[in-house]
């Protein structure tokens, strides 16, 4: 029997004793080498610009309310009630285990690393290289030694790569305190994870519901829409978030991506399912992982919002280097 090198624990409704899975759905990410090669050799990928200009933000040291600054992809600085939290921080030039190969940044980080305020906590969604970047975590540990919270099994990866890191791993629905008055609850997602071809689904994936005195921020993590049940469960258990950070990119070709990444139309459905007051669209425009054009997620989000009758100000495609003060919009209180 294959041994899980990252996590040993009892079987559950989403863990078979060796690998994690999405309950009630076919496994995501089970693409054959032939299917991947056929996709990559199809020539259907849009051409992205090599570089998109960015004016980096310079954050304040602390923020009393809720402010979210887009660093790029799924990396965001969440400042809430005086606490500074980074989601899936990646400052490396590539989302890859290799320095000279793999998806390269089209946008520089929206905050220069040395301009980051003191980081109290890091929340990680899963082990894919565009989300869990050991080089960045080492820099953060050396500078601030933040608490790092992540789904089961990912702590083995972080502890190995970042000796001495303060890590806490949790299962879906576990609540973990990050600072005084601030906690995260790990939420389920329809996704998968790996670091190498041999370890697929040996570490869990998910999102983070950030509970703060200034408001709630839900970092959804990578997810397909699936049957939508997990989003109804999030609302039932945790309520409607003040702010949702929802992925809108990396969705084409649809036949291959549907099980693991929502497209903008599904992102709007997710937004409405959970009853979020406001949302930022993330996971687009930094790394070209799939076939759609760079601007396609933003354009498709605008069309999906119009079709659903949702005011554009409530769900904005986050721009790298922009800071968003997330007071509830008029008429939603």
C-alpha atoms as a PDB file:
ATOM      1  CA  UNK A   1       0.000   0.000   0.000  1.00  0.00           C
ATOM      2  CA  UNK A   2       1.248   3.499  -0.825  1.00  0.00           C
ATOM      3  CA  UNK A   3       2.312   5.399   2.275  1.00  0.00           C
ATOM      4  CA  UNK A   4       1.319   9.006   2.819  1.00  0.00           C
ATOM      5  CA  UNK A   5       4.578  10.828   3.570  1.00  0.00           C
ATOM      6  CA  UNK A   6       2.863  13.991   4.832  1.00  0.00           C
ATOM      7  CA  UNK A   7      -0.017  12.958   7.037  1.00  0.00           C
ATOM      8  CA  UNK A   8      -1.009   9.902   9.073  1.00  0.00           C
ATOM      9  CA  UNK A   9      -4.454   9.993  10.625  1.00  0.00           C
ATOM     10  CA  UNK A  10      -7.781   8.220  10.790  1.00  0.00           C
ATOM     11  CA  UNK A  11      -9.984   7.834   7.730  1.00  0.00           C
ATOM     12  CA  UNK A  12     -12.829  10.338   7.377  1.00  0.00           C
ATOM     13  CA  UNK A  13     -15.484  11.416   4.897  1.00  0.00           C
ATOM     14  CA  UNK A  14     -12.696  13.078   2.853  1.00  0.00           C
ATOM     15  CA  UNK A  15      -9.635  10.929   3.678  1.00  0.00           C
ATOM     16  CA  UNK A  16      -9.324   7.245   2.809  1.00  0.00           C
ATOM     17  CA  UNK A  17      -6.304   6.592   5.019  1.00  0.00           C
ATOM     18  CA  UNK A  18      -3.815   7.476   2.272  1.00  0.00           C
ATOM     19  CA  UNK A  19      -5.276  10.211   0.084  1.00  0.00           C
ATOM     20  CA  UNK A  20      -7.738  13.048   0.553  1.00  0.00           C
ATOM     21  CA  UNK A  21     -10.740  13.411  -1.752  1.00  0.00           C
ATOM     22  CA  UNK A  22     -13.775  15.567  -2.464  1.00  0.00           C
ATOM     23  CA  UNK A  23     -16.812  13.799  -0.946  1.00  0.00           C
ATOM     24  CA  UNK A  24     -19.402  12.721  -3.487  1.00  0.00           C
ATOM     25  CA  UNK A  25     -17.412  13.903  -6.514  1.00  0.00           C
ATOM     26  CA  UNK A  26     -14.900  12.298  -8.894  1.00  0.00           C
ATOM     27  CA  UNK A  27     -11.279  12.993  -7.920  1.00  0.00           C
ATOM     28  CA  UNK A  28     -10.010  16.332  -9.219  1.00  0.00           C
ATOM     29  CA  UNK A  29      -6.589  16.488 -10.833  1.00  0.00           C
ATOM     30  CA  UNK A  30      -6.602  12.900 -12.082  1.00  0.00           C
ATOM     31  CA  UNK A  31      -5.335  13.838 -15.529  1.00  0.00           C
ATOM     32  CA  UNK A  32      -3.246  11.319 -17.421  1.00  0.00           C
ATOM     33  CA  UNK A  33       0.130  12.342 -18.794  1.00  0.00           C
ATOM     34  CA  UNK A  34      -1.320  11.850 -22.263  1.00  0.00           C
ATOM     35  CA  UNK A  35      -4.218  14.228 -21.559  1.00  0.00           C
ATOM     36  CA  UNK A  36      -1.865  16.884 -20.210  1.00  0.00           C
ATOM     37  CA  UNK A  37       0.505  16.566 -23.179  1.00  0.00           C
ATOM     38  CA  UNK A  38      -2.394  16.733 -25.637  1.00  0.00           C
ATOM     39  CA  UNK A  39      -3.630  19.903 -23.913  1.00  0.00           C
ATOM     40  CA  UNK A  40      -0.231  21.584 -23.791  1.00  0.00           C
ATOM     41  CA  UNK A  41       0.537  20.714 -27.421  1.00  0.00           C
ATOM     42  CA  UNK A  42      -2.851  21.870 -28.710  1.00  0.00           C
ATOM     43  CA  UNK A  43      -1.658  25.445 -29.228  1.00  0.00           C
ATOM     44  CA  UNK A  44      -4.957  26.833 -27.914  1.00  0.00           C
ATOM     45  CA  UNK A  45      -3.454  28.940 -25.119  1.00  0.00           C
ATOM     46  CA  UNK A  46      -3.828  32.697 -25.552  1.00  0.00           C
ATOM     47  CA  UNK A  47      -0.615  34.716 -25.664  1.00  0.00           C
ATOM     48  CA  UNK A  48      -0.110  36.753 -22.481  1.00  0.00           C
ATOM     49  CA  UNK A  49       2.041  39.855 -22.243  1.00  0.00           C
ATOM     50  CA  UNK A  50       5.484  39.052 -20.865  1.00  0.00           C
ATOM     51  CA  UNK A  51       5.163  41.838 -18.328  1.00  0.00           C
ATOM     52  CA  UNK A  52       2.353  44.078 -17.083  1.00  0.00           C
ATOM     53  CA  UNK A  53       3.308  47.340 -15.311  1.00  0.00           C
ATOM     54  CA  UNK A  54       2.615  47.442 -11.579  1.00  0.00           C
ATOM     55  CA  UNK A  55       2.799  50.335  -9.134  1.00  0.00           C
ATOM     56  CA  UNK A  56       3.403  48.622  -5.777  1.00  0.00           C
ATOM     57  CA  UNK A  57       1.447  49.699  -2.720  1.00  0.00           C
ATOM     58  CA  UNK A  58       3.150  50.788   0.499  1.00  0.00           C
ATOM     59  CA  UNK A  59       0.921  49.510   3.299  1.00  0.00           C
ATOM     60  CA  UNK A  60       0.397  51.166   6.645  1.00  0.00           C
ATOM     61  CA  UNK A  61       1.824  49.301   9.625  1.00  0.00           C
ATOM     62  CA  UNK A  62      -1.632  48.526  11.063  1.00  0.00           C
ATOM     63  CA  UNK A  63      -5.243  49.112   9.993  1.00  0.00           C
ATOM     64  CA  UNK A  64      -8.194  49.372  12.368  1.00  0.00           C
ATOM     65  CA  UNK A  65     -10.834  48.316   9.826  1.00  0.00           C
ATOM     66  CA  UNK A  66     -10.517  45.794   6.999  1.00  0.00           C
ATOM     67  CA  UNK A  67      -8.134  46.510   4.125  1.00  0.00           C
ATOM     68  CA  UNK A  68      -7.056  43.983   1.505  1.00  0.00           C
ATOM     69  CA  UNK A  69      -4.063  44.643  -0.752  1.00  0.00           C
ATOM     70  CA  UNK A  70      -3.587  42.524  -3.873  1.00  0.00           C
ATOM     71  CA  UNK A  71      -0.039  41.189  -4.133  1.00  0.00           C
ATOM     72  CA  UNK A  72      -0.814  38.902  -7.068  1.00  0.00           C
ATOM     73  CA  UNK A  73      -2.563  35.612  -7.862  1.00  0.00           C
ATOM     74  CA  UNK A  74      -3.753  34.277  -4.466  1.00  0.00           C
ATOM     75  CA  UNK A  75      -1.297  36.344  -2.417  1.00  0.00           C
ATOM     76  CA  UNK A  76      -3.060  39.111  -0.491  1.00  0.00           C
ATOM     77  CA  UNK A  77      -2.280  41.199   2.551  1.00  0.00           C
ATOM     78  CA  UNK A  78      -5.343  41.198   4.797  1.00  0.00           C
ATOM     79  CA  UNK A  79      -5.183  43.913   7.460  1.00  0.00           C
ATOM     80  CA  UNK A  80      -8.007  43.715   9.971  1.00  0.00           C
ATOM     81  CA  UNK A  81      -8.418  45.087  13.492  1.00  0.00           C
ATOM     82  CA  UNK A  82      -4.691  45.764  13.783  1.00  0.00           C
ATOM     83  CA  UNK A  83      -3.614  42.282  12.706  1.00  0.00           C
ATOM     84  CA  UNK A  84      -1.648  41.570   9.493  1.00  0.00           C
ATOM     85  CA  UNK A  85      -2.270  38.314   7.644  1.00  0.00           C
ATOM     86  CA  UNK A  86      -0.868  37.043   4.338  1.00  0.00           C
ATOM     87  CA  UNK A  87      -2.711  34.520   2.196  1.00  0.00           C
ATOM     88  CA  UNK A  88      -0.699  32.046   0.077  1.00  0.00           C
ATOM     89  CA  UNK A  89       2.345  34.359  -0.149  1.00  0.00           C
ATOM     90  CA  UNK A  90       4.437  33.980  -3.325  1.00  0.00           C
ATOM     91  CA  UNK A  91       7.155  36.553  -4.032  1.00  0.00           C
ATOM     92  CA  UNK A  92       9.229  34.190  -6.194  1.00  0.00           C
ATOM     93  CA  UNK A  93       9.555  34.884  -9.937  1.00  0.00           C
ATOM     94  CA  UNK A  94       8.081  31.490 -10.874  1.00  0.00           C
ATOM     95  CA  UNK A  95       5.335  29.238  -9.525  1.00  0.00           C
ATOM     96  CA  UNK A  96       7.458  26.140  -9.850  1.00  0.00           C
ATOM     97  CA  UNK A  97       9.869  23.792  -8.069  1.00  0.00           C
ATOM     98  CA  UNK A  98      12.472  24.917 -10.630  1.00  0.00           C
ATOM     99  CA  UNK A  99      14.230  28.278 -10.933  1.00  0.00           C
ATOM    100  CA  UNK A 100      14.466  28.264 -14.720  1.00  0.00           C
ATOM    101  CA  UNK A 101      11.224  26.564 -15.733  1.00  0.00           C
ATOM    102  CA  UNK A 102       7.541  26.814 -14.935  1.00  0.00           C
ATOM    103  CA  UNK A 103       4.968  29.638 -14.962  1.00  0.00           C
ATOM    104  CA  UNK A 104       6.676  33.029 -14.718  1.00  0.00           C
ATOM    105  CA  UNK A 105       5.182  36.177 -13.214  1.00  0.00           C
ATOM    106  CA  UNK A 106       3.553  38.605 -15.622  1.00  0.00           C
ATOM    107  CA  UNK A 107       3.168  41.090 -12.762  1.00  0.00           C
ATOM    108  CA  UNK A 108       5.700  42.030 -10.125  1.00  0.00           C
ATOM    109  CA  UNK A 109       4.422  41.646  -6.550  1.00  0.00           C
ATOM    110  CA  UNK A 110       1.945  44.367  -5.614  1.00  0.00           C
ATOM    111  CA  UNK A 111       3.950  45.059  -2.442  1.00  0.00           C
ATOM    112  CA  UNK A 112       7.750  45.114  -2.414  1.00  0.00           C
ATOM    113  CA  UNK A 113       8.749  42.457   0.120  1.00  0.00           C
ATOM    114  CA  UNK A 114      10.745  44.871   2.262  1.00  0.00           C
ATOM    115  CA  UNK A 115       7.730  47.207   2.395  1.00  0.00           C
ATOM    116  CA  UNK A 116       5.520  44.593   4.053  1.00  0.00           C
ATOM    117  CA  UNK A 117       4.308  45.553   7.520  1.00  0.00           C
ATOM    118  CA  UNK A 118       5.035  43.098  10.350  1.00  0.00           C
ATOM    119  CA  UNK A 119       3.236  39.863   9.467  1.00  0.00           C
ATOM    120  CA  UNK A 120       1.438  38.177  12.350  1.00  0.00           C
ATOM    121  CA  UNK A 121       0.068  35.147  10.513  1.00  0.00           C
ATOM    122  CA  UNK A 122       0.196  33.337   7.197  1.00  0.00           C
ATOM    123  CA  UNK A 123      -2.719  31.210   6.008  1.00  0.00           C
ATOM    124  CA  UNK A 124      -2.088  28.620   3.311  1.00  0.00           C
ATOM    125  CA  UNK A 125      -4.753  26.934   1.199  1.00  0.00           C
ATOM    126  CA  UNK A 126      -2.891  23.963  -0.311  1.00  0.00           C
ATOM    127  CA  UNK A 127       0.402  22.625  -1.582  1.00  0.00           C
ATOM    128  CA  UNK A 128       0.488  23.602  -5.265  1.00  0.00           C
ATOM    129  CA  UNK A 129       3.515  25.726  -6.120  1.00  0.00           C
ATOM    130  CA  UNK A 130       1.480  28.795  -7.041  1.00  0.00           C
ATOM    131  CA  UNK A 131       0.174  28.808  -3.449  1.00  0.00           C
ATOM    132  CA  UNK A 132       2.821  27.248  -1.195  1.00  0.00           C
ATOM    133  CA  UNK A 133       6.203  28.839  -1.941  1.00  0.00           C
ATOM    134  CA  UNK A 134       8.936  27.705   0.424  1.00  0.00           C
ATOM    135  CA  UNK A 135      11.368  30.463  -0.613  1.00  0.00           C
ATOM    136  CA  UNK A 136       8.884  33.160   0.410  1.00  0.00           C
ATOM    137  CA  UNK A 137       7.948  31.386   3.630  1.00  0.00           C
ATOM    138  CA  UNK A 138      11.643  31.224   4.589  1.00  0.00           C
ATOM    139  CA  UNK A 139      11.964  34.988   4.107  1.00  0.00           C
ATOM    140  CA  UNK A 140       8.866  35.639   6.192  1.00  0.00           C
ATOM    141  CA  UNK A 141      10.030  33.298   8.952  1.00  0.00           C
ATOM    142  CA  UNK A 142      13.462  34.939   9.064  1.00  0.00           C
ATOM    143  CA  UNK A 143      11.924  38.410   9.275  1.00  0.00           C
ATOM    144  CA  UNK A 144       8.763  38.031  11.380  1.00  0.00           C
ATOM    145  CA  UNK A 145       8.394  34.382  12.470  1.00  0.00           C
ATOM    146  CA  UNK A 146       4.632  34.533  11.799  1.00  0.00           C
ATOM    147  CA  UNK A 147       2.251  31.787  12.808  1.00  0.00           C
ATOM    148  CA  UNK A 148       1.527  29.654   9.722  1.00  0.00           C
ATOM    149  CA  UNK A 149      -1.816  27.830   9.494  1.00  0.00           C
ATOM    150  CA  UNK A 150      -2.670  25.318   6.801  1.00  0.00           C
ATOM    151  CA  UNK A 151      -4.702  22.183   6.005  1.00  0.00           C
ATOM    152  CA  UNK A 152      -3.511  18.753   7.126  1.00  0.00           C
ATOM    153  CA  UNK A 153      -0.249  17.468   5.672  1.00  0.00           C
ATOM    154  CA  UNK A 154       0.980  20.791   4.352  1.00  0.00           C
ATOM    155  CA  UNK A 155       2.757  21.394   7.664  1.00  0.00           C
ATOM    156  CA  UNK A 156       5.159  18.550   6.862  1.00  0.00           C
ATOM    157  CA  UNK A 157       6.182  20.370   3.692  1.00  0.00           C
ATOM    158  CA  UNK A 158       6.599  23.683   5.510  1.00  0.00           C
ATOM    159  CA  UNK A 159       8.452  22.256   8.527  1.00  0.00           C
ATOM    160  CA  UNK A 160      10.896  20.480   6.194  1.00  0.00           C
ATOM    161  CA  UNK A 161      11.528  23.563   4.070  1.00  0.00           C
ATOM    162  CA  UNK A 162      11.404  26.169   6.847  1.00  0.00           C
ATOM    163  CA  UNK A 163      13.079  24.748   9.971  1.00  0.00           C
ATOM    164  CA  UNK A 164      11.693  26.297  13.141  1.00  0.00           C
ATOM    165  CA  UNK A 165       8.534  27.627  11.482  1.00  0.00           C
ATOM    166  CA  UNK A 166       5.529  27.958  13.789  1.00  0.00           C
ATOM    167  CA  UNK A 167       3.018  25.712  12.046  1.00  0.00           C
ATOM    168  CA  UNK A 168      -0.492  24.590  12.896  1.00  0.00           C
ATOM    169  CA  UNK A 169      -2.348  22.201  10.598  1.00  0.00           C
ATOM    170  CA  UNK A 170      -6.078  21.630  10.748  1.00  0.00           C
ATOM    171  CA  UNK A 171      -8.882  19.708   9.126  1.00  0.00           C
ATOM    172  CA  UNK A 172     -11.945  21.223   7.473  1.00  0.00           C
ATOM    173  CA  UNK A 173     -14.045  23.172  10.002  1.00  0.00           C
ATOM    174  CA  UNK A 174     -11.253  23.373  12.595  1.00  0.00           C
ATOM    175  CA  UNK A 175     -11.043  26.821  14.219  1.00  0.00           C
ATOM    176  CA  UNK A 176      -7.534  28.080  15.002  1.00  0.00           C
ATOM    177  CA  UNK A 177      -6.688  31.283  16.878  1.00  0.00           C
ATOM    178  CA  UNK A 178      -4.249  33.554  15.023  1.00  0.00           C
ATOM    179  CA  UNK A 179      -4.068  36.514  17.412  1.00  0.00           C
ATOM    180  CA  UNK A 180      -6.113  38.138  20.152  1.00  0.00           C
ATOM    181  CA  UNK A 181      -9.683  38.237  18.840  1.00  0.00           C
ATOM    182  CA  UNK A 182      -8.703  36.870  15.407  1.00  0.00           C
ATOM    183  CA  UNK A 183      -9.150  33.271  14.263  1.00  0.00           C
ATOM    184  CA  UNK A 184      -9.388  31.198  11.102  1.00  0.00           C
ATOM    185  CA  UNK A 185     -11.779  28.361  10.406  1.00  0.00           C
ATOM    186  CA  UNK A 186     -10.586  26.037   7.648  1.00  0.00           C
ATOM    187  CA  UNK A 187     -13.306  25.606   5.053  1.00  0.00           C
ATOM    188  CA  UNK A 188     -13.759  22.822   2.483  1.00  0.00           C
ATOM    189  CA  UNK A 189     -13.011  23.269  -1.208  1.00  0.00           C
ATOM    190  CA  UNK A 190     -13.399  21.119  -4.315  1.00  0.00           C
ATOM    191  CA  UNK A 191      -9.786  20.881  -5.407  1.00  0.00           C
ATOM    192  CA  UNK A 192      -6.703  18.675  -5.011  1.00  0.00           C
ATOM    193  CA  UNK A 193      -3.012  19.098  -4.235  1.00  0.00           C
ATOM    194  CA  UNK A 194       0.448  17.749  -4.928  1.00  0.00           C
ATOM    195  CA  UNK A 195       4.121  18.693  -5.024  1.00  0.00           C
ATOM    196  CA  UNK A 196       5.233  15.875  -7.353  1.00  0.00           C
ATOM    197  CA  UNK A 197       3.419  13.360  -9.568  1.00  0.00           C
ATOM    198  CA  UNK A 198       3.759  10.685  -6.894  1.00  0.00           C
ATOM    199  CA  UNK A 199       2.073  12.509  -3.992  1.00  0.00           C
ATOM    200  CA  UNK A 200      -1.248  13.644  -5.455  1.00  0.00           C
ATOM    201  CA  UNK A 201      -3.907  14.305  -2.810  1.00  0.00           C
ATOM    202  CA  UNK A 202      -1.631  13.376   0.108  1.00  0.00           C
ATOM    203  CA  UNK A 203      -2.083  16.843   1.651  1.00  0.00           C
ATOM    204  CA  UNK A 204      -5.436  18.510   2.210  1.00  0.00           C
ATOM    205  CA  UNK A 205      -6.715  21.669   0.492  1.00  0.00           C
ATOM    206  CA  UNK A 206      -9.232  24.281   1.622  1.00  0.00           C
ATOM    207  CA  UNK A 207      -9.986  27.893   2.398  1.00  0.00           C
ATOM    208  CA  UNK A 208      -9.834  30.156   5.466  1.00  0.00           C
ATOM    209  CA  UNK A 209     -12.696  32.011   7.123  1.00  0.00           C
ATOM    210  CA  UNK A 210     -10.983  34.871   8.959  1.00  0.00           C
ATOM    211  CA  UNK A 211     -12.961  36.050  11.966  1.00  0.00           C
ATOM    212  CA  UNK A 212     -11.891  39.482  13.254  1.00  0.00           C
ATOM    213  CA  UNK A 213     -13.411  42.259  15.402  1.00  0.00           C
ATOM    214  CA  UNK A 214     -13.540  44.438  12.261  1.00  0.00           C
ATOM    215  CA  UNK A 215     -15.414  41.909  10.115  1.00  0.00           C
ATOM    216  CA  UNK A 216     -15.171  38.495   8.489  1.00  0.00           C
ATOM    217  CA  UNK A 217     -13.006  37.759   5.452  1.00  0.00           C
ATOM    218  CA  UNK A 218     -13.371  34.452   3.613  1.00  0.00           C
ATOM    219  CA  UNK A 219     -10.336  33.398   1.573  1.00  0.00           C
ATOM    220  CA  UNK A 220     -12.013  30.725  -0.536  1.00  0.00           C
ATOM    221  CA  UNK A 221      -8.883  28.969  -1.837  1.00  0.00           C
ATOM    222  CA  UNK A 222      -8.833  27.133  -5.157  1.00  0.00           C
ATOM    223  CA  UNK A 223     -12.102  25.321  -5.842  1.00  0.00           C
ATOM    224  CA  UNK A 224     -14.427  23.989  -8.473  1.00  0.00           C
ATOM    225  CA  UNK A 225     -18.133  24.600  -8.047  1.00  0.00           C
ATOM    226  CA  UNK A 226     -19.153  20.923  -8.094  1.00  0.00           C
ATOM    227  CA  UNK A 227     -22.596  20.417  -6.601  1.00  0.00           C
ATOM    228  CA  UNK A 228     -22.342  23.644  -4.573  1.00  0.00           C
ATOM    229  CA  UNK A 229     -23.077  21.906  -1.274  1.00  0.00           C
ATOM    230  CA  UNK A 230     -19.937  23.065   0.491  1.00  0.00           C
ATOM    231  CA  UNK A 231     -20.802  26.723  -0.092  1.00  0.00           C
ATOM    232  CA  UNK A 232     -24.244  26.294   1.412  1.00  0.00           C
ATOM    233  CA  UNK A 233     -22.547  24.546   4.343  1.00  0.00           C
ATOM    234  CA  UNK A 234     -20.161  27.478   4.829  1.00  0.00           C
ATOM    235  CA  UNK A 235     -23.067  29.902   5.061  1.00  0.00           C
ATOM    236  CA  UNK A 236     -25.000  27.601   7.389  1.00  0.00           C
ATOM    237  CA  UNK A 237     -22.078  27.075   9.764  1.00  0.00           C
ATOM    238  CA  UNK A 238     -20.293  30.424   9.628  1.00  0.00           C
ATOM    239  CA  UNK A 239     -22.762  32.947   8.214  1.00  0.00           C
ATOM    240  CA  UNK A 240     -22.403  35.372   5.316  1.00  0.00           C
ATOM    241  CA  UNK A 241     -18.916  36.914   5.068  1.00  0.00           C
ATOM    242  CA  UNK A 242     -18.359  40.646   4.952  1.00  0.00           C
ATOM    243  CA  UNK A 243     -15.702  40.068   2.298  1.00  0.00           C
ATOM    244  CA  UNK A 244     -15.046  37.017   0.112  1.00  0.00           C
ATOM    245  CA  UNK A 245     -11.778  36.526  -1.790  1.00  0.00           C
ATOM    246  CA  UNK A 246     -12.914  34.368  -4.703  1.00  0.00           C
ATOM    247  CA  UNK A 247     -10.800  32.893  -7.531  1.00  0.00           C
ATOM    248  CA  UNK A 248     -11.911  33.900 -11.031  1.00  0.00           C
ATOM    249  CA  UNK A 249      -9.032  32.693 -13.258  1.00  0.00           C
ATOM    250  CA  UNK A 250      -7.296  29.538 -14.537  1.00  0.00           C
ATOM    251  CA  UNK A 251     -10.453  27.912 -15.931  1.00  0.00           C
ATOM    252  CA  UNK A 252      -9.830  26.952 -19.594  1.00  0.00           C
ATOM    253  CA  UNK A 253     -10.065  24.417 -21.193  1.00  0.00           C
ATOM    254  CA  UNK A 254     -13.265  23.887 -19.265  1.00  0.00           C
ATOM    255  CA  UNK A 255     -13.374  20.110 -19.647  1.00  0.00           C
ATOM    256  CA  UNK A 256     -10.056  19.812 -17.797  1.00  0.00           C
ATOM    257  CA  UNK A 257     -10.423  22.653 -15.287  1.00  0.00           C
ATOM    258  CA  UNK A 258     -14.073  22.473 -14.218  1.00  0.00           C
ATOM    259  CA  UNK A 259     -13.480  20.039 -11.345  1.00  0.00           C
ATOM    260  CA  UNK A 260     -10.801  22.228  -9.761  1.00  0.00           C
ATOM    261  CA  UNK A 261     -11.323  25.902 -10.710  1.00  0.00           C
ATOM    262  CA  UNK A 262     -14.502  27.961 -10.923  1.00  0.00           C
ATOM    263  CA  UNK A 263     -14.943  30.210 -13.915  1.00  0.00           C
ATOM    264  CA  UNK A 264     -16.293  33.764 -13.411  1.00  0.00           C
ATOM    265  CA  UNK A 265     -19.925  32.717 -13.875  1.00  0.00           C
ATOM    266  CA  UNK A 266     -19.521  30.028 -11.190  1.00  0.00           C
ATOM    267  CA  UNK A 267     -17.628  32.506  -9.002  1.00  0.00           C
ATOM    268  CA  UNK A 268     -20.686  34.778  -9.045  1.00  0.00           C
ATOM    269  CA  UNK A 269     -22.913  31.806  -8.204  1.00  0.00           C
ATOM    270  CA  UNK A 270     -20.613  30.983  -5.267  1.00  0.00           C
ATOM    271  CA  UNK A 271     -20.705  34.639  -4.167  1.00  0.00           C
ATOM    272  CA  UNK A 272     -24.494  34.577  -4.103  1.00  0.00           C
ATOM    273  CA  UNK A 273     -24.670  31.142  -2.454  1.00  0.00           C
ATOM    274  CA  UNK A 274     -22.709  32.324   0.554  1.00  0.00           C
ATOM    275  CA  UNK A 275     -24.381  35.745   0.705  1.00  0.00           C
ATOM    276  CA  UNK A 276     -21.156  37.769   0.783  1.00  0.00           C
ATOM    277  CA  UNK A 277     -21.581  41.524   1.180  1.00  0.00           C
ATOM    278  CA  UNK A 278     -18.587  42.175  -1.082  1.00  0.00           C
ATOM    279  CA  UNK A 279     -15.954  40.198  -2.962  1.00  0.00           C
ATOM    280  CA  UNK A 280     -12.616  40.562  -4.674  1.00  0.00           C
ATOM    281  CA  UNK A 281     -11.773  38.382  -7.663  1.00  0.00           C
ATOM    282  CA  UNK A 282      -8.338  36.815  -7.249  1.00  0.00           C
ATOM    283  CA  UNK A 283      -6.224  34.068  -8.896  1.00  0.00           C
ATOM    284  CA  UNK A 284      -5.965  35.848 -12.249  1.00  0.00           C
ATOM    285  CA  UNK A 285      -3.501  37.953 -14.212  1.00  0.00           C
ATOM    286  CA  UNK A 286      -0.196  36.989 -12.548  1.00  0.00           C
ATOM    287  CA  UNK A 287       0.743  33.444 -13.640  1.00  0.00           C
ATOM    288  CA  UNK A 288      -0.486  31.951 -16.915  1.00  0.00           C
ATOM    289  CA  UNK A 289      -1.571  28.498 -15.816  1.00  0.00           C
ATOM    290  CA  UNK A 290      -4.310  27.787 -18.367  1.00  0.00           C
ATOM    291  CA  UNK A 291      -5.550  28.795 -21.815  1.00  0.00           C
ATOM    292  CA  UNK A 292      -7.686  31.930 -21.339  1.00  0.00           C
ATOM    293  CA  UNK A 293      -6.346  35.386 -22.186  1.00  0.00           C
ATOM    294  CA  UNK A 294      -5.054  37.489 -19.311  1.00  0.00           C
ATOM    295  CA  UNK A 295      -7.976  39.938 -19.345  1.00  0.00           C
ATOM    296  CA  UNK A 296     -10.638  37.276 -19.953  1.00  0.00           C
ATOM    297  CA  UNK A 297     -11.491  36.656 -16.256  1.00  0.00           C
ATOM    298  CA  UNK A 298     -12.135  40.353 -15.599  1.00  0.00           C
ATOM    299  CA  UNK A 299     -14.295  40.688 -18.715  1.00  0.00           C
ATOM    300  CA  UNK A 300     -16.207  37.469 -17.997  1.00  0.00           C
ATOM    301  CA  UNK A 301     -16.773  38.550 -14.378  1.00  0.00           C
ATOM    302  CA  UNK A 302     -18.354  41.818 -15.549  1.00  0.00           C
ATOM    303  CA  UNK A 303     -20.682  39.882 -17.885  1.00  0.00           C
ATOM    304  CA  UNK A 304     -21.604  37.362 -15.188  1.00  0.00           C
ATOM    305  CA  UNK A 305     -22.428  40.100 -12.674  1.00  0.00           C
ATOM    306  CA  UNK A 306     -24.630  41.874 -15.198  1.00  0.00           C
ATOM    307  CA  UNK A 307     -26.438  38.642 -16.033  1.00  0.00           C
ATOM    308  CA  UNK A 308     -27.032  37.952 -12.345  1.00  0.00           C
ATOM    309  CA  UNK A 309     -28.153  41.491 -11.568  1.00  0.00           C
ATOM    310  CA  UNK A 310     -25.317  42.076  -9.090  1.00  0.00           C
ATOM    311  CA  UNK A 311     -23.903  45.611  -8.790  1.00  0.00           C
ATOM    312  CA  UNK A 312     -20.330  45.662 -10.173  1.00  0.00           C
ATOM    313  CA  UNK A 313     -19.052  47.456  -7.044  1.00  0.00           C
ATOM    314  CA  UNK A 314     -19.912  44.417  -4.938  1.00  0.00           C
ATOM    315  CA  UNK A 315     -17.541  42.038  -6.765  1.00  0.00           C
ATOM    316  CA  UNK A 316     -14.393  43.599  -8.207  1.00  0.00           C
ATOM    317  CA  UNK A 317     -11.528  41.899 -10.036  1.00  0.00           C
ATOM    318  CA  UNK A 318      -8.621  42.802  -7.755  1.00  0.00           C
ATOM    319  CA  UNK A 319      -5.746  44.649  -9.431  1.00  0.00           C
ATOM    320  CA  UNK A 320      -2.161  43.979  -8.406  1.00  0.00           C
ATOM    321  CA  UNK A 321      -0.851  46.765  -6.181  1.00  0.00           C
ATOM    322  CA  UNK A 322      -4.317  48.084  -5.297  1.00  0.00           C
ATOM    323  CA  UNK A 323      -5.558  48.323  -1.714  1.00  0.00           C
ATOM    324  CA  UNK A 324      -9.273  47.906  -1.023  1.00  0.00           C
ATOM    325  CA  UNK A 325     -10.921  49.272   2.102  1.00  0.00           C
ATOM    326  CA  UNK A 326     -13.746  46.839   2.584  1.00  0.00           C
ATOM    327  CA  UNK A 327     -16.537  48.798   4.240  1.00  0.00           C
ATOM    328  CA  UNK A 328     -19.919  47.278   3.338  1.00  0.00           C
ATOM    329  CA  UNK A 329     -21.428  48.948   0.262  1.00  0.00           C
ATOM    330  CA  UNK A 330     -24.543  51.134   0.658  1.00  0.00           C
ATOM    331  CA  UNK A 331     -27.777  49.237   1.073  1.00  0.00           C
ATOM    332  CA  UNK A 332     -26.251  45.961   2.311  1.00  0.00           C
ATOM    333  CA  UNK A 333     -26.358  46.623   6.053  1.00  0.00           C
END
